[in-house]
């Protein structure tokens, strides 16, 4: 199975969140954790970010009803 890996600038662009908010939510277990790409590089699995976005959309729609 092939995975697409997103680096931080792409994650920020897709979610609209800042770097500090992303890492805060990771520490609170409210955002997907990055994977190590070696050295000091990390990335996020695109499917996990997409699922997180879909969950946020669904929660937003349920709260507005």
PDB file of N, CA and C in Angstrom:
ATOM      1  N   UNK A   1       0.845  -1.179   0.000  1.00  0.00           N
ATOM      2  CA  UNK A   1       0.000   0.000   0.000  1.00  0.00           C
ATOM      3  C   UNK A   1       0.893   1.246   0.000  1.00  0.00           C
ATOM      4  N   UNK A   2       0.574   2.184  -0.857  1.00  0.00           N
ATOM      5  CA  UNK A   2       1.354   3.416  -0.958  1.00  0.00           C
ATOM      6  C   UNK A   2       0.770   4.491  -0.047  1.00  0.00           C
ATOM      7  N   UNK A   3       1.633   5.209   0.602  1.00  0.00           N
ATOM      8  CA  UNK A   3       1.216   6.295   1.481  1.00  0.00           C
ATOM      9  C   UNK A   3       1.766   7.607   0.939  1.00  0.00           C
ATOM     10  N   UNK A   4       0.954   8.653   1.004  1.00  0.00           N
ATOM     11  CA  UNK A   4       1.441   9.990   0.705  1.00  0.00           C
ATOM     12  C   UNK A   4       1.778  10.654   2.031  1.00  0.00           C
ATOM     13  N   UNK A   5       2.954  11.230   2.089  1.00  0.00           N
ATOM     14  CA  UNK A   5       3.421  11.881   3.304  1.00  0.00           C
ATOM     15  C   UNK A   5       3.377  13.389   3.095  1.00  0.00           C
ATOM     16  N   UNK A   6       2.799  14.074   4.045  1.00  0.00           N
ATOM     17  CA  UNK A   6       2.725  15.533   4.004  1.00  0.00           C
ATOM     18  C   UNK A   6       3.708  16.122   5.005  1.00  0.00           C
ATOM     19  N   UNK A   7       4.439  17.114   4.575  1.00  0.00           N
ATOM     20  CA  UNK A   7       5.319  17.836   5.492  1.00  0.00           C
ATOM     21  C   UNK A   7       4.515  18.960   6.135  1.00  0.00           C
ATOM     22  N   UNK A   8       5.078  19.586   7.144  1.00  0.00           N
ATOM     23  CA  UNK A   8       4.364  20.583   7.942  1.00  0.00           C
ATOM     24  C   UNK A   8       3.731  21.703   7.117  1.00  0.00           C
ATOM     25  N   UNK A   9       4.407  22.314   6.153  1.00  0.00           N
ATOM     26  CA  UNK A   9       3.740  23.383   5.384  1.00  0.00           C
ATOM     27  C   UNK A   9       2.456  22.913   4.691  1.00  0.00           C
ATOM     28  N   UNK A  10       2.457  21.698   4.191  1.00  0.00           N
ATOM     29  CA  UNK A  10       1.255  21.166   3.542  1.00  0.00           C
ATOM     30  C   UNK A  10       0.150  20.904   4.563  1.00  0.00           C
ATOM     31  N   UNK A  11       0.518  20.401   5.741  1.00  0.00           N
ATOM     32  CA  UNK A  11      -0.473  20.152   6.802  1.00  0.00           C
ATOM     33  C   UNK A  11      -1.079  21.477   7.253  1.00  0.00           C
ATOM     34  N   UNK A  12      -0.246  22.479   7.433  1.00  0.00           N
ATOM     35  CA  UNK A  12      -0.744  23.808   7.815  1.00  0.00           C
ATOM     36  C   UNK A  12      -1.699  24.361   6.764  1.00  0.00           C
ATOM     37  N   UNK A  13      -1.352  24.215   5.498  1.00  0.00           N
ATOM     38  CA  UNK A  13      -2.194  24.721   4.419  1.00  0.00           C
ATOM     39  C   UNK A  13      -3.533  23.992   4.360  1.00  0.00           C
ATOM     40  N   UNK A  14      -3.518  22.692   4.545  1.00  0.00           N
ATOM     41  CA  UNK A  14      -4.761  21.912   4.469  1.00  0.00           C
ATOM     42  C   UNK A  14      -5.682  22.146   5.650  1.00  0.00           C
ATOM     43  N   UNK A  15      -5.109  22.304   6.838  1.00  0.00           N
ATOM     44  CA  UNK A  15      -5.932  22.417   8.042  1.00  0.00           C
ATOM     45  C   UNK A  15      -6.252  23.851   8.425  1.00  0.00           C
ATOM     46  N   UNK A  16      -5.415  24.779   8.009  1.00  0.00           N
ATOM     47  CA  UNK A  16      -5.582  26.168   8.427  1.00  0.00           C
ATOM     48  C   UNK A  16      -5.072  26.419   9.834  1.00  0.00           C
ATOM     49  N   UNK A  17      -4.385  25.445  10.418  1.00  0.00           N
ATOM     50  CA  UNK A  17      -3.855  25.571  11.770  1.00  0.00           C
ATOM     51  C   UNK A  17      -2.405  26.038  11.738  1.00  0.00           C
ATOM     52  N   UNK A  18      -1.998  26.701  12.793  1.00  0.00           N
ATOM     53  CA  UNK A  18      -0.600  27.118  12.916  1.00  0.00           C
ATOM     54  C   UNK A  18       0.239  25.955  13.431  1.00  0.00           C
ATOM     55  N   UNK A  19       1.545  26.097  13.306  1.00  0.00           N
ATOM     56  CA  UNK A  19       2.464  25.072  13.791  1.00  0.00           C
ATOM     57  C   UNK A  19       2.250  24.804  15.276  1.00  0.00           C
ATOM     58  N   UNK A  20       2.142  25.868  16.063  1.00  0.00           N
ATOM     59  CA  UNK A  20       1.995  25.685  17.509  1.00  0.00           C
ATOM     60  C   UNK A  20       0.675  25.000  17.861  1.00  0.00           C
ATOM     61  N   UNK A  21      -0.390  25.309  17.141  1.00  0.00           N
ATOM     62  CA  UNK A  21      -1.679  24.665  17.400  1.00  0.00           C
ATOM     63  C   UNK A  21      -1.635  23.192  17.028  1.00  0.00           C
ATOM     64  N   UNK A  22      -0.990  22.874  15.918  1.00  0.00           N
ATOM     65  CA  UNK A  22      -0.854  21.475  15.510  1.00  0.00           C
ATOM     66  C   UNK A  22      -0.148  20.682  16.601  1.00  0.00           C
ATOM     67  N   UNK A  23       0.994  21.181  17.074  1.00  0.00           N
ATOM     68  CA  UNK A  23       1.744  20.440  18.089  1.00  0.00           C
ATOM     69  C   UNK A  23       1.031  20.419  19.442  1.00  0.00           C
ATOM     70  N   UNK A  24       0.287  21.469  19.764  1.00  0.00           N
ATOM     71  CA  UNK A  24      -0.508  21.464  20.996  1.00  0.00           C
ATOM     72  C   UNK A  24      -1.568  20.372  20.920  1.00  0.00           C
ATOM     73  N   UNK A  25      -2.270  20.295  19.806  1.00  0.00           N
ATOM     74  CA  UNK A  25      -3.311  19.276  19.654  1.00  0.00           C
ATOM     75  C   UNK A  25      -2.729  17.863  19.620  1.00  0.00           C
ATOM     76  N   UNK A  26      -1.544  17.705  19.065  1.00  0.00           N
ATOM     77  CA  UNK A  26      -0.882  16.399  19.099  1.00  0.00           C
ATOM     78  C   UNK A  26      -0.635  16.000  20.551  1.00  0.00           C
ATOM     79  N   UNK A  27      -0.146  16.932  21.361  1.00  0.00           N
ATOM     80  CA  UNK A  27       0.148  16.626  22.766  1.00  0.00           C
ATOM     81  C   UNK A  27      -1.122  16.302  23.555  1.00  0.00           C
ATOM     82  N   UNK A  28      -2.258  16.806  23.076  1.00  0.00           N
ATOM     83  CA  UNK A  28      -3.552  16.539  23.715  1.00  0.00           C
ATOM     84  C   UNK A  28      -4.267  15.336  23.080  1.00  0.00           C
ATOM     85  N   UNK A  29      -3.587  14.648  22.168  1.00  0.00           N
ATOM     86  CA  UNK A  29      -4.180  13.518  21.439  1.00  0.00           C
ATOM     87  C   UNK A  29      -5.423  13.920  20.665  1.00  0.00           C
ATOM     88  N   UNK A  30      -5.400  15.136  20.103  1.00  0.00           N
ATOM     89  CA  UNK A  30      -6.534  15.638  19.327  1.00  0.00           C
ATOM     90  C   UNK A  30      -6.160  15.885  17.871  1.00  0.00           C
ATOM     91  N   UNK A  31      -5.003  15.384  17.447  1.00  0.00           N
ATOM     92  CA  UNK A  31      -4.527  15.559  16.075  1.00  0.00           C
ATOM     93  C   UNK A  31      -3.601  14.391  15.766  1.00  0.00           C
ATOM     94  N   UNK A  32      -3.585  13.924  14.515  1.00  0.00           N
ATOM     95  CA  UNK A  32      -2.707  12.793  14.177  1.00  0.00           C
ATOM     96  C   UNK A  32      -1.235  13.085  14.470  1.00  0.00           C
ATOM     97  N   UNK A  33      -0.542  12.107  14.996  1.00  0.00           N
ATOM     98  CA  UNK A  33       0.885  12.252  15.283  1.00  0.00           C
ATOM     99  C   UNK A  33       1.696  12.097  14.004  1.00  0.00           C
ATOM    100  N   UNK A  34       2.809  12.824  13.920  1.00  0.00           N
ATOM    101  CA  UNK A  34       3.669  12.669  12.751  1.00  0.00           C
ATOM    102  C   UNK A  34       4.479  11.378  12.849  1.00  0.00           C
ATOM    103  N   UNK A  35       5.022  10.982  11.725  1.00  0.00           N
ATOM    104  CA  UNK A  35       5.930   9.844  11.693  1.00  0.00           C
ATOM    105  C   UNK A  35       7.330  10.364  11.423  1.00  0.00           C
ATOM    106  N   UNK A  36       8.321   9.670  11.924  1.00  0.00           N
ATOM    107  CA  UNK A  36       9.712  10.056  11.706  1.00  0.00           C
ATOM    108  C   UNK A  36      10.130   9.668  10.294  1.00  0.00           C
ATOM    109  N   UNK A  37      10.768  10.612   9.619  1.00  0.00           N
ATOM    110  CA  UNK A  37      11.296  10.357   8.282  1.00  0.00           C
ATOM    111  C   UNK A  37      12.807  10.234   8.317  1.00  0.00           C
ATOM    112  N   UNK A  38      13.364  10.242   9.528  1.00  0.00           N
ATOM    113  CA  UNK A  38      14.807  10.139   9.694  1.00  0.00           C
ATOM    114  C   UNK A  38      15.398  11.479  10.077  1.00  0.00           C
ATOM    115  N   UNK A  39      16.424  11.436  10.870  1.00  0.00           N
ATOM    116  CA  UNK A  39      17.029  12.680  11.340  1.00  0.00           C
ATOM    117  C   UNK A  39      16.018  13.499  12.118  1.00  0.00           C
ATOM    118  N   UNK A  40      15.888  14.754  11.753  1.00  0.00           N
ATOM    119  CA  UNK A  40      14.921  15.629  12.416  1.00  0.00           C
ATOM    120  C   UNK A  40      13.683  15.862  11.571  1.00  0.00           C
ATOM    121  N   UNK A  41      13.506  15.093  10.517  1.00  0.00           N
ATOM    122  CA  UNK A  41      12.380  15.269   9.607  1.00  0.00           C
ATOM    123  C   UNK A  41      11.187  14.419  10.034  1.00  0.00           C
ATOM    124  N   UNK A  42      10.016  15.024   9.997  1.00  0.00           N
ATOM    125  CA  UNK A  42       8.779  14.302  10.268  1.00  0.00           C
ATOM    126  C   UNK A  42       7.774  14.627   9.171  1.00  0.00           C
ATOM    127  N   UNK A  43       6.776  13.779   9.079  1.00  0.00           N
ATOM    128  CA  UNK A  43       5.700  13.993   8.126  1.00  0.00           C
ATOM    129  C   UNK A  43       4.439  13.349   8.643  1.00  0.00           C
ATOM    130  N   UNK A  44       3.335  13.693   8.024  1.00  0.00           N
ATOM    131  CA  UNK A  44       2.038  13.152   8.414  1.00  0.00           C
ATOM    132  C   UNK A  44       1.486  12.335   7.275  1.00  0.00           C
ATOM    133  N   UNK A  45       0.792  11.261   7.601  1.00  0.00           N
ATOM    134  CA  UNK A  45       0.159  10.428   6.588  1.00  0.00           C
ATOM    135  C   UNK A  45      -1.080  11.182   6.091  1.00  0.00           C
ATOM    136  N   UNK A  46      -1.121  11.392   4.788  1.00  0.00           N
ATOM    137  CA  UNK A  46      -2.187  12.191   4.187  1.00  0.00           C
ATOM    138  C   UNK A  46      -3.572  11.666   4.543  1.00  0.00           C
ATOM    139  N   UNK A  47      -3.763  10.363   4.522  1.00  0.00           N
ATOM    140  CA  UNK A  47      -5.076   9.781   4.823  1.00  0.00           C
ATOM    141  C   UNK A  47      -5.519  10.099   6.253  1.00  0.00           C
ATOM    142  N   UNK A  48      -4.575  10.143   7.192  1.00  0.00           N
ATOM    143  CA  UNK A  48      -4.922  10.472   8.579  1.00  0.00           C
ATOM    144  C   UNK A  48      -5.334  11.938   8.709  1.00  0.00           C
ATOM    145  N   UNK A  49      -4.668  12.811   7.975  1.00  0.00           N
ATOM    146  CA  UNK A  49      -5.040  14.230   7.998  1.00  0.00           C
ATOM    147  C   UNK A  49      -6.415  14.405   7.369  1.00  0.00           C
ATOM    148  N   UNK A  50      -6.655  13.730   6.254  1.00  0.00           N
ATOM    149  CA  UNK A  50      -7.961  13.809   5.595  1.00  0.00           C
ATOM    150  C   UNK A  50      -9.072  13.300   6.504  1.00  0.00           C
ATOM    151  N   UNK A  51      -8.819  12.199   7.200  1.00  0.00           N
ATOM    152  CA  UNK A  51      -9.811  11.655   8.134  1.00  0.00           C
ATOM    153  C   UNK A  51     -10.077  12.634   9.272  1.00  0.00           C
ATOM    154  N   UNK A  52      -9.027  13.269   9.786  1.00  0.00           N
ATOM    155  CA  UNK A  52      -9.191  14.253  10.858  1.00  0.00           C
ATOM    156  C   UNK A  52     -10.056  15.416  10.366  1.00  0.00           C
ATOM    157  N   UNK A  53      -9.798  15.889   9.137  1.00  0.00           N
ATOM    158  CA  UNK A  53     -10.596  16.977   8.577  1.00  0.00           C
ATOM    159  C   UNK A  53     -12.057  16.570   8.429  1.00  0.00           C
ATOM    160  N   UNK A  54     -12.290  15.382   7.939  1.00  0.00           N
ATOM    161  CA  UNK A  54     -13.663  14.897   7.780  1.00  0.00           C
ATOM    162  C   UNK A  54     -14.374  14.799   9.125  1.00  0.00           C
ATOM    163  N   UNK A  55     -13.660  14.353  10.150  1.00  0.00           N
ATOM    164  CA  UNK A  55     -14.234  14.293  11.498  1.00  0.00           C
ATOM    165  C   UNK A  55     -14.597  15.682  12.002  1.00  0.00           C
ATOM    166  N   UNK A  56     -13.735  16.671  11.748  1.00  0.00           N
ATOM    167  CA  UNK A  56     -14.015  18.040  12.182  1.00  0.00           C
ATOM    168  C   UNK A  56     -15.244  18.580  11.459  1.00  0.00           C
ATOM    169  N   UNK A  57     -15.351  18.305  10.166  1.00  0.00           N
ATOM    170  CA  UNK A  57     -16.510  18.762   9.395  1.00  0.00           C
ATOM    171  C   UNK A  57     -17.781  18.127   9.954  1.00  0.00           C
ATOM    172  N   UNK A  58     -17.736  16.837  10.182  1.00  0.00           N
ATOM    173  CA  UNK A  58     -18.906  16.124  10.716  1.00  0.00           C
ATOM    174  C   UNK A  58     -19.299  16.664  12.081  1.00  0.00           C
ATOM    175  N   UNK A  59     -18.338  16.874  12.959  1.00  0.00           N
ATOM    176  CA  UNK A  59     -18.626  17.407  14.301  1.00  0.00           C
ATOM    177  C   UNK A  59     -19.212  18.802  14.208  1.00  0.00           C
ATOM    178  N   UNK A  60     -18.717  19.594  13.299  1.00  0.00           N
ATOM    179  CA  UNK A  60     -19.226  20.953  13.125  1.00  0.00           C
ATOM    180  C   UNK A  60     -20.673  20.944  12.655  1.00  0.00           C
ATOM    181  N   UNK A  61     -20.984  20.044  11.748  1.00  0.00           N
ATOM    182  CA  UNK A  61     -22.340  19.946  11.225  1.00  0.00           C
ATOM    183  C   UNK A  61     -23.307  19.462  12.307  1.00  0.00           C
ATOM    184  N   UNK A  62     -22.870  18.546  13.151  1.00  0.00           N
ATOM    185  CA  UNK A  62     -23.735  18.016  14.213  1.00  0.00           C
ATOM    186  C   UNK A  62     -23.983  19.061  15.282  1.00  0.00           C
ATOM    187  N   UNK A  63     -22.983  19.874  15.574  1.00  0.00           N
ATOM    188  CA  UNK A  63     -23.124  20.889  16.620  1.00  0.00           C
ATOM    189  C   UNK A  63     -24.026  22.029  16.184  1.00  0.00           C
ATOM    190  N   UNK A  64     -24.152  22.268  14.883  1.00  0.00           N
ATOM    191  CA  UNK A  64     -24.951  23.399  14.409  1.00  0.00           C
ATOM    192  C   UNK A  64     -26.423  23.041  14.260  1.00  0.00           C
ATOM    193  N   UNK A  65     -26.788  21.803  14.521  1.00  0.00           N
ATOM    194  CA  UNK A  65     -28.202  21.398  14.382  1.00  0.00           C
ATOM    195  C   UNK A  65     -28.932  21.494  15.674  1.00  0.00           C
TER     196      UNK A  65
END
